[in-house]
Amino acid sequence: MIRRFESEDTEAVVKAWYAASELAHPFLTTAFLKQEAENIRNIYIALAEIWVTEIDGKVVGFIALVENEIGGLFLDPAYHGRGLGHALVDKAVSKKGALTVAVFKENSIGRRFYRLYGFHRLHEFIHEETQQATLWLTFTPSNIARN
């Protein structure tokens, strides 16, 4: 089930983000991950439109949208490969249409997901805080009706 984020989902969202980040971003420092977890709780949630996905009433992942940009798409790794990420992006496309996302170049999990979904690379840049090469990707739907 996909539904809008509610404030009581905060810890589940941070937990899913942290677990997925440890898996997909082993090149990031623990200090950076811990600081980002605090930023999610205290800054980013208020700035984004967030949709969560639940399994048996438990929040296991989310997509955060800032306008037409995916600010974050993360699933608890125990729930990878079940189509939940695809369903979350489908939800975003139905609401926003064309999307963009930045993904670390070394994040092979994220890069593969976005490539299979149909995102295309626009350009590469250096993420200022981490000094990591980052890819800017875009997706333009064809004939998808907005809800």
N, C-alpha and C. Protein backbone atom coordinates (compact mmCIF):
# COMPACT_ATOMS: atom_id res chain seq x y z
N MET A 1 0.84 -1.18 0.00
CA MET A 1 0.00 0.00 0.00
C MET A 1 0.89 1.24 0.00
N ILE A 2 0.52 2.21 -0.80
CA ILE A 2 1.22 3.49 -0.83
C ILE A 2 0.26 4.55 -0.30
N ARG A 3 0.78 5.36 0.60
CA ARG A 3 -0.03 6.44 1.19
C ARG A 3 0.87 7.63 1.51
N ARG A 4 0.24 8.75 1.79
CA ARG A 4 0.99 9.95 2.17
C ARG A 4 1.68 9.73 3.52
N PHE A 5 2.84 10.32 3.64
CA PHE A 5 3.60 10.32 4.89
C PHE A 5 2.80 11.01 5.99
N GLU A 6 2.90 10.48 7.20
CA GLU A 6 2.35 11.11 8.40
C GLU A 6 3.49 11.25 9.40
N SER A 7 3.41 12.22 10.27
CA SER A 7 4.53 12.50 11.18
C SER A 7 4.96 11.28 11.98
N GLU A 8 4.03 10.39 12.32
CA GLU A 8 4.41 9.19 13.09
C GLU A 8 5.23 8.20 12.25
N ASP A 9 5.38 8.46 10.95
CA ASP A 9 6.20 7.61 10.08
C ASP A 9 7.68 8.00 10.12
N THR A 10 8.00 9.08 10.79
CA THR A 10 9.36 9.64 10.72
C THR A 10 10.44 8.61 11.02
N GLU A 11 10.35 7.92 12.13
CA GLU A 11 11.42 6.99 12.51
C GLU A 11 11.52 5.82 11.53
N ALA A 12 10.39 5.34 11.04
CA ALA A 12 10.42 4.25 10.06
C ALA A 12 11.07 4.71 8.76
N VAL A 13 10.81 5.94 8.35
CA VAL A 13 11.42 6.49 7.14
C VAL A 13 12.93 6.62 7.33
N VAL A 14 13.34 7.17 8.47
CA VAL A 14 14.78 7.32 8.74
C VAL A 14 15.45 5.95 8.80
N LYS A 15 14.81 4.99 9.42
CA LYS A 15 15.37 3.64 9.52
C LYS A 15 15.54 3.00 8.14
N ALA A 16 14.52 3.11 7.30
CA ALA A 16 14.61 2.56 5.93
C ALA A 16 15.72 3.28 5.15
N TRP A 17 15.78 4.61 5.28
CA TRP A 17 16.81 5.38 4.60
C TRP A 17 18.21 4.93 5.04
N TYR A 18 18.40 4.78 6.34
CA TYR A 18 19.73 4.43 6.85
C TYR A 18 20.15 3.04 6.39
N ALA A 19 19.27 2.08 6.50
CA ALA A 19 19.60 0.71 6.08
C ALA A 19 19.92 0.65 4.59
N ALA A 20 19.11 1.31 3.78
CA ALA A 20 19.34 1.32 2.33
C ALA A 20 20.61 2.09 1.99
N SER A 21 20.87 3.17 2.70
CA SER A 21 22.07 3.96 2.44
C SER A 21 23.34 3.20 2.78
N GLU A 22 23.32 2.45 3.88
CA GLU A 22 24.50 1.64 4.21
C GLU A 22 24.80 0.63 3.11
N LEU A 23 23.76 0.07 2.51
CA LEU A 23 23.94 -0.91 1.44
C LEU A 23 24.38 -0.25 0.13
N ALA A 24 23.70 0.81 -0.27
CA ALA A 24 23.94 1.42 -1.58
C ALA A 24 25.09 2.43 -1.58
N HIS A 25 25.44 2.94 -0.41
CA HIS A 25 26.45 3.99 -0.30
C HIS A 25 27.59 3.62 0.65
N PRO A 26 28.24 2.49 0.45
CA PRO A 26 29.32 2.11 1.37
C PRO A 26 30.51 3.07 1.31
N PHE A 27 30.55 3.91 0.32
CA PHE A 27 31.62 4.88 0.12
C PHE A 27 31.41 6.15 0.95
N LEU A 28 30.26 6.28 1.62
CA LEU A 28 30.00 7.44 2.47
C LEU A 28 30.40 7.12 3.90
N THR A 29 30.86 8.12 4.62
CA THR A 29 31.30 7.91 6.00
C THR A 29 30.12 7.73 6.94
N THR A 30 30.36 7.04 8.03
CA THR A 30 29.33 6.88 9.06
C THR A 30 28.92 8.23 9.61
N ALA A 31 29.87 9.14 9.78
CA ALA A 31 29.56 10.47 10.29
C ALA A 31 28.59 11.20 9.35
N PHE A 32 28.83 11.08 8.04
CA PHE A 32 27.94 11.73 7.07
C PHE A 32 26.55 11.11 7.14
N LEU A 33 26.47 9.78 7.20
CA LEU A 33 25.17 9.12 7.27
C LEU A 33 24.40 9.52 8.53
N LYS A 34 25.08 9.59 9.65
CA LYS A 34 24.41 9.98 10.89
C LYS A 34 23.90 11.41 10.82
N GLN A 35 24.70 12.30 10.23
CA GLN A 35 24.27 13.69 10.09
C GLN A 35 23.08 13.79 9.14
N GLU A 36 23.10 13.04 8.06
CA GLU A 36 21.98 13.05 7.12
C GLU A 36 20.72 12.51 7.76
N ALA A 37 20.84 11.50 8.61
CA ALA A 37 19.67 10.97 9.32
C ALA A 37 19.02 12.08 10.15
N GLU A 38 19.84 12.88 10.82
CA GLU A 38 19.32 14.01 11.59
C GLU A 38 18.70 15.05 10.67
N ASN A 39 19.33 15.30 9.52
CA ASN A 39 18.78 16.25 8.56
C ASN A 39 17.44 15.79 8.03
N ILE A 40 17.29 14.49 7.82
CA ILE A 40 16.00 13.96 7.36
C ILE A 40 14.94 14.27 8.40
N ARG A 41 15.22 13.93 9.65
CA ARG A 41 14.26 14.17 10.74
C ARG A 41 13.90 15.64 10.89
N ASN A 42 14.90 16.50 10.85
CA ASN A 42 14.73 17.89 11.26
C ASN A 42 14.60 18.91 10.14
N ILE A 43 14.96 18.54 8.91
CA ILE A 43 14.94 19.51 7.82
C ILE A 43 14.18 18.98 6.60
N TYR A 44 14.67 17.89 6.03
CA TYR A 44 14.21 17.44 4.73
C TYR A 44 12.74 17.03 4.69
N ILE A 45 12.26 16.38 5.72
CA ILE A 45 10.86 15.93 5.73
C ILE A 45 9.91 17.11 5.52
N ALA A 46 10.21 18.21 6.16
CA ALA A 46 9.33 19.38 6.05
C ALA A 46 9.36 20.01 4.66
N LEU A 47 10.40 19.74 3.89
CA LEU A 47 10.56 20.36 2.57
C LEU A 47 10.01 19.51 1.43
N ALA A 48 9.61 18.29 1.71
CA ALA A 48 9.26 17.36 0.63
C ALA A 48 7.82 16.85 0.74
N GLU A 49 7.33 16.42 -0.40
CA GLU A 49 6.07 15.66 -0.46
C GLU A 49 6.51 14.20 -0.40
N ILE A 50 6.09 13.49 0.63
CA ILE A 50 6.58 12.13 0.86
C ILE A 50 5.43 11.14 0.79
N TRP A 51 5.72 10.06 0.09
CA TRP A 51 4.80 8.92 0.00
C TRP A 51 5.52 7.71 0.58
N VAL A 52 4.83 6.95 1.42
CA VAL A 52 5.44 5.76 2.02
C VAL A 52 4.76 4.52 1.46
N THR A 53 5.50 3.41 1.53
CA THR A 53 4.92 2.12 1.17
C THR A 53 4.95 1.25 2.41
N GLU A 54 3.84 0.52 2.59
CA GLU A 54 3.68 -0.33 3.77
C GLU A 54 3.51 -1.78 3.35
N ILE A 55 4.03 -2.65 4.18
CA ILE A 55 3.78 -4.09 4.09
C ILE A 55 3.26 -4.51 5.46
N ASP A 56 2.10 -5.11 5.48
CA ASP A 56 1.47 -5.55 6.73
C ASP A 56 1.45 -4.44 7.78
N GLY A 57 1.13 -3.22 7.35
CA GLY A 57 1.02 -2.09 8.26
C GLY A 57 2.33 -1.48 8.70
N LYS A 58 3.45 -1.96 8.17
CA LYS A 58 4.78 -1.46 8.54
C LYS A 58 5.36 -0.65 7.39
N VAL A 59 5.79 0.58 7.66
CA VAL A 59 6.43 1.40 6.64
C VAL A 59 7.80 0.81 6.34
N VAL A 60 8.02 0.46 5.06
CA VAL A 60 9.29 -0.19 4.67
C VAL A 60 10.06 0.62 3.63
N GLY A 61 9.49 1.75 3.21
CA GLY A 61 10.19 2.58 2.24
C GLY A 61 9.40 3.82 1.92
N PHE A 62 10.04 4.69 1.11
CA PHE A 62 9.41 5.98 0.80
C PHE A 62 10.02 6.60 -0.45
N ILE A 63 9.28 7.55 -1.00
CA ILE A 63 9.80 8.44 -2.03
C ILE A 63 9.52 9.86 -1.55
N ALA A 64 10.52 10.71 -1.64
CA ALA A 64 10.40 12.11 -1.26
C ALA A 64 10.53 12.96 -2.52
N LEU A 65 9.57 13.81 -2.74
CA LEU A 65 9.55 14.65 -3.94
C LEU A 65 9.66 16.11 -3.55
N VAL A 66 10.51 16.83 -4.29
CA VAL A 66 10.61 18.27 -4.17
C VAL A 66 10.33 18.79 -5.57
N GLU A 67 9.10 19.31 -5.74
CA GLU A 67 8.61 19.63 -7.09
C GLU A 67 8.66 18.35 -7.92
N ASN A 68 9.41 18.36 -9.04
CA ASN A 68 9.50 17.18 -9.91
C ASN A 68 10.80 16.41 -9.70
N GLU A 69 11.50 16.70 -8.63
CA GLU A 69 12.76 16.00 -8.34
C GLU A 69 12.53 14.94 -7.27
N ILE A 70 13.08 13.75 -7.51
CA ILE A 70 13.09 12.73 -6.47
C ILE A 70 14.23 13.09 -5.53
N GLY A 71 13.88 13.54 -4.35
CA GLY A 71 14.89 13.89 -3.35
C GLY A 71 15.40 12.65 -2.63
N GLY A 72 14.62 11.60 -2.66
CA GLY A 72 15.03 10.34 -2.05
C GLY A 72 14.05 9.23 -2.39
N LEU A 73 14.59 8.07 -2.67
CA LEU A 73 13.81 6.86 -2.90
C LEU A 73 14.57 5.75 -2.19
N PHE A 74 14.02 5.27 -1.09
CA PHE A 74 14.73 4.29 -0.28
C PHE A 74 13.76 3.25 0.25
N LEU A 75 14.23 2.00 0.22
CA LEU A 75 13.48 0.88 0.77
C LEU A 75 14.38 0.11 1.72
N ASP A 76 13.80 -0.37 2.79
CA ASP A 76 14.52 -1.30 3.65
C ASP A 76 15.03 -2.43 2.74
N PRO A 77 16.34 -2.74 2.79
CA PRO A 77 16.89 -3.76 1.88
C PRO A 77 16.18 -5.11 1.94
N ALA A 78 15.56 -5.43 3.05
CA ALA A 78 14.82 -6.70 3.15
C ALA A 78 13.64 -6.74 2.20
N TYR A 79 13.25 -5.59 1.67
CA TYR A 79 12.09 -5.50 0.78
C TYR A 79 12.48 -5.14 -0.65
N HIS A 80 13.77 -5.16 -0.95
CA HIS A 80 14.20 -4.93 -2.33
C HIS A 80 13.71 -6.05 -3.23
N GLY A 81 13.51 -5.75 -4.50
CA GLY A 81 13.15 -6.77 -5.49
C GLY A 81 11.69 -7.18 -5.49
N ARG A 82 10.84 -6.43 -4.82
CA ARG A 82 9.41 -6.76 -4.75
C ARG A 82 8.54 -5.81 -5.58
N GLY A 83 9.17 -4.90 -6.30
CA GLY A 83 8.42 -3.95 -7.11
C GLY A 83 7.95 -2.72 -6.35
N LEU A 84 8.36 -2.58 -5.09
CA LEU A 84 7.91 -1.45 -4.28
C LEU A 84 8.50 -0.13 -4.75
N GLY A 85 9.78 -0.14 -5.11
CA GLY A 85 10.42 1.08 -5.62
C GLY A 85 9.77 1.52 -6.92
N HIS A 86 9.51 0.57 -7.79
CA HIS A 86 8.85 0.85 -9.07
C HIS A 86 7.48 1.47 -8.82
N ALA A 87 6.74 0.91 -7.87
CA ALA A 87 5.40 1.42 -7.55
C ALA A 87 5.48 2.84 -6.98
N LEU A 88 6.49 3.12 -6.18
CA LEU A 88 6.65 4.48 -5.64
C LEU A 88 6.97 5.48 -6.75
N VAL A 89 7.83 5.09 -7.69
CA VAL A 89 8.12 6.00 -8.80
C VAL A 89 6.90 6.14 -9.70
N ASP A 90 6.16 5.06 -9.90
CA ASP A 90 4.90 5.17 -10.66
C ASP A 90 3.99 6.21 -10.01
N LYS A 91 3.89 6.18 -8.69
CA LYS A 91 3.07 7.15 -7.96
C LYS A 91 3.56 8.57 -8.23
N ALA A 92 4.88 8.76 -8.16
CA ALA A 92 5.45 10.08 -8.40
C ALA A 92 5.17 10.55 -9.82
N VAL A 93 5.32 9.66 -10.78
CA VAL A 93 5.06 10.01 -12.18
C VAL A 93 3.58 10.37 -12.36
N SER A 94 2.70 9.64 -11.71
CA SER A 94 1.26 9.93 -11.83
C SER A 94 0.92 11.29 -11.25
N LYS A 95 1.68 11.74 -10.25
CA LYS A 95 1.43 13.02 -9.61
C LYS A 95 2.16 14.17 -10.30
N LYS A 96 3.38 13.92 -10.77
CA LYS A 96 4.25 15.00 -11.24
C LYS A 96 4.56 14.97 -12.73
N GLY A 97 4.44 13.82 -13.36
CA GLY A 97 4.85 13.71 -14.76
C GLY A 97 6.34 13.48 -14.84
N ALA A 98 7.02 14.27 -15.64
CA ALA A 98 8.47 14.12 -15.81
C ALA A 98 9.18 14.31 -14.47
N LEU A 99 10.24 13.52 -14.27
CA LEU A 99 10.99 13.55 -13.01
C LEU A 99 12.48 13.68 -13.27
N THR A 100 13.19 14.20 -12.27
CA THR A 100 14.64 14.19 -12.27
C THR A 100 15.11 13.58 -10.96
N VAL A 101 16.36 13.13 -10.96
CA VAL A 101 16.95 12.58 -9.74
C VAL A 101 18.47 12.67 -9.85
N ALA A 102 19.12 12.88 -8.73
CA ALA A 102 20.58 12.80 -8.65
C ALA A 102 20.93 11.49 -7.95
N VAL A 103 21.86 10.74 -8.52
CA VAL A 103 22.27 9.47 -7.93
C VAL A 103 23.79 9.39 -7.97
N PHE A 104 24.38 8.98 -6.85
CA PHE A 104 25.84 8.84 -6.82
C PHE A 104 26.28 7.84 -7.89
N LYS A 105 27.35 8.18 -8.57
CA LYS A 105 27.87 7.32 -9.63
C LYS A 105 28.25 5.94 -9.10
N GLU A 106 28.77 5.89 -7.88
CA GLU A 106 29.16 4.60 -7.28
C GLU A 106 27.98 3.80 -6.74
N ASN A 107 26.79 4.37 -6.76
CA ASN A 107 25.60 3.67 -6.26
C ASN A 107 25.06 2.78 -7.38
N SER A 108 25.62 1.60 -7.50
CA SER A 108 25.23 0.70 -8.59
C SER A 108 23.78 0.22 -8.43
N ILE A 109 23.29 0.11 -7.21
CA ILE A 109 21.91 -0.31 -6.98
C ILE A 109 20.95 0.75 -7.53
N GLY A 110 21.17 1.99 -7.16
CA GLY A 110 20.31 3.08 -7.63
C GLY A 110 20.42 3.29 -9.13
N ARG A 111 21.64 3.27 -9.65
CA ARG A 111 21.83 3.48 -11.09
C ARG A 111 21.10 2.41 -11.89
N ARG A 112 21.21 1.16 -11.46
CA ARG A 112 20.54 0.06 -12.17
C ARG A 112 19.02 0.25 -12.11
N PHE A 113 18.50 0.57 -10.94
CA PHE A 113 17.06 0.76 -10.79
C PHE A 113 16.56 1.84 -11.75
N TYR A 114 17.20 3.00 -11.72
CA TYR A 114 16.73 4.10 -12.56
C TYR A 114 16.89 3.80 -14.05
N ARG A 115 17.95 3.10 -14.42
CA ARG A 115 18.14 2.73 -15.83
C ARG A 115 17.02 1.80 -16.28
N LEU A 116 16.71 0.79 -15.47
CA LEU A 116 15.65 -0.15 -15.83
C LEU A 116 14.28 0.51 -15.86
N TYR A 117 14.08 1.52 -15.03
CA TYR A 117 12.81 2.23 -15.03
C TYR A 117 12.66 3.07 -16.30
N GLY A 118 13.77 3.53 -16.85
CA GLY A 118 13.72 4.34 -18.07
C GLY A 118 14.30 5.74 -17.94
N PHE A 119 14.99 6.01 -16.84
CA PHE A 119 15.66 7.30 -16.67
C PHE A 119 16.86 7.37 -17.60
N HIS A 120 17.19 8.59 -18.02
CA HIS A 120 18.33 8.83 -18.90
C HIS A 120 19.25 9.86 -18.27
N ARG A 121 20.53 9.69 -18.50
CA ARG A 121 21.55 10.58 -17.95
C ARG A 121 21.55 11.92 -18.68
N LEU A 122 21.56 13.00 -17.89
CA LEU A 122 21.70 14.35 -18.45
C LEU A 122 23.14 14.82 -18.36
N HIS A 123 23.71 14.72 -17.15
CA HIS A 123 25.10 15.12 -16.96
C HIS A 123 25.64 14.59 -15.64
N GLU A 124 26.92 14.78 -15.45
CA GLU A 124 27.61 14.35 -14.24
C GLU A 124 28.14 15.59 -13.52
N PHE A 125 28.14 15.53 -12.20
CA PHE A 125 28.68 16.63 -11.40
C PHE A 125 29.25 16.06 -10.11
N ILE A 126 29.92 16.89 -9.36
CA ILE A 126 30.48 16.49 -8.07
C ILE A 126 29.55 16.97 -6.96
N HIS A 127 29.10 16.04 -6.13
CA HIS A 127 28.27 16.36 -4.97
C HIS A 127 29.17 17.09 -3.97
N GLU A 128 28.84 18.33 -3.68
CA GLU A 128 29.72 19.20 -2.91
C GLU A 128 30.07 18.66 -1.52
N GLU A 129 29.07 18.18 -0.78
CA GLU A 129 29.32 17.74 0.59
C GLU A 129 30.20 16.50 0.68
N THR A 130 30.06 15.58 -0.27
CA THR A 130 30.78 14.31 -0.20
C THR A 130 31.94 14.20 -1.18
N GLN A 131 31.98 15.12 -2.14
CA GLN A 131 32.96 15.08 -3.23
C GLN A 131 32.83 13.83 -4.10
N GLN A 132 31.63 13.26 -4.13
CA GLN A 132 31.35 12.07 -4.93
C GLN A 132 30.82 12.46 -6.30
N ALA A 133 31.28 11.75 -7.33
CA ALA A 133 30.72 11.92 -8.66
C ALA A 133 29.24 11.53 -8.60
N THR A 134 28.40 12.35 -9.20
CA THR A 134 26.95 12.18 -9.13
C THR A 134 26.36 12.35 -10.52
N LEU A 135 25.37 11.55 -10.83
CA LEU A 135 24.70 11.61 -12.13
C LEU A 135 23.35 12.28 -11.97
N TRP A 136 23.04 13.18 -12.88
CA TRP A 136 21.73 13.83 -12.93
C TRP A 136 20.95 13.11 -14.01
N LEU A 137 19.82 12.50 -13.61
CA LEU A 137 19.02 11.68 -14.52
C LEU A 137 17.63 12.30 -14.71
N THR A 138 16.99 11.94 -15.82
CA THR A 138 15.65 12.43 -16.09
C THR A 138 14.78 11.31 -16.64
N PHE A 139 13.49 11.43 -16.37
CA PHE A 139 12.50 10.50 -16.91
C PHE A 139 11.33 11.32 -17.42
N THR A 140 10.93 11.04 -18.65
CA THR A 140 9.76 11.69 -19.24
C THR A 140 8.77 10.61 -19.62
N PRO A 141 7.61 10.62 -18.98
CA PRO A 141 6.61 9.59 -19.29
C PRO A 141 5.97 9.84 -20.66
N SER A 142 5.52 8.76 -21.25
CA SER A 142 4.74 8.89 -22.48
C SER A 142 3.35 8.33 -22.23
N ASN A 143 2.39 9.18 -22.31
CA ASN A 143 0.98 8.79 -22.18
C ASN A 143 0.62 8.25 -20.80
N ILE A 144 1.13 8.85 -19.74
CA ILE A 144 0.73 8.46 -18.39
C ILE A 144 -0.18 9.57 -17.85
N ALA A 145 -1.39 9.21 -17.48
CA ALA A 145 -2.34 10.18 -16.97
C ALA A 145 -2.01 10.54 -15.53
N ARG A 146 -2.12 11.82 -15.16
CA ARG A 146 -1.89 12.25 -13.78
C ARG A 146 -3.16 12.09 -12.98
N ASN A 147 -2.97 11.72 -11.69
CA ASN A 147 -4.12 11.59 -10.78
C ASN A 147 -4.27 12.87 -10.00
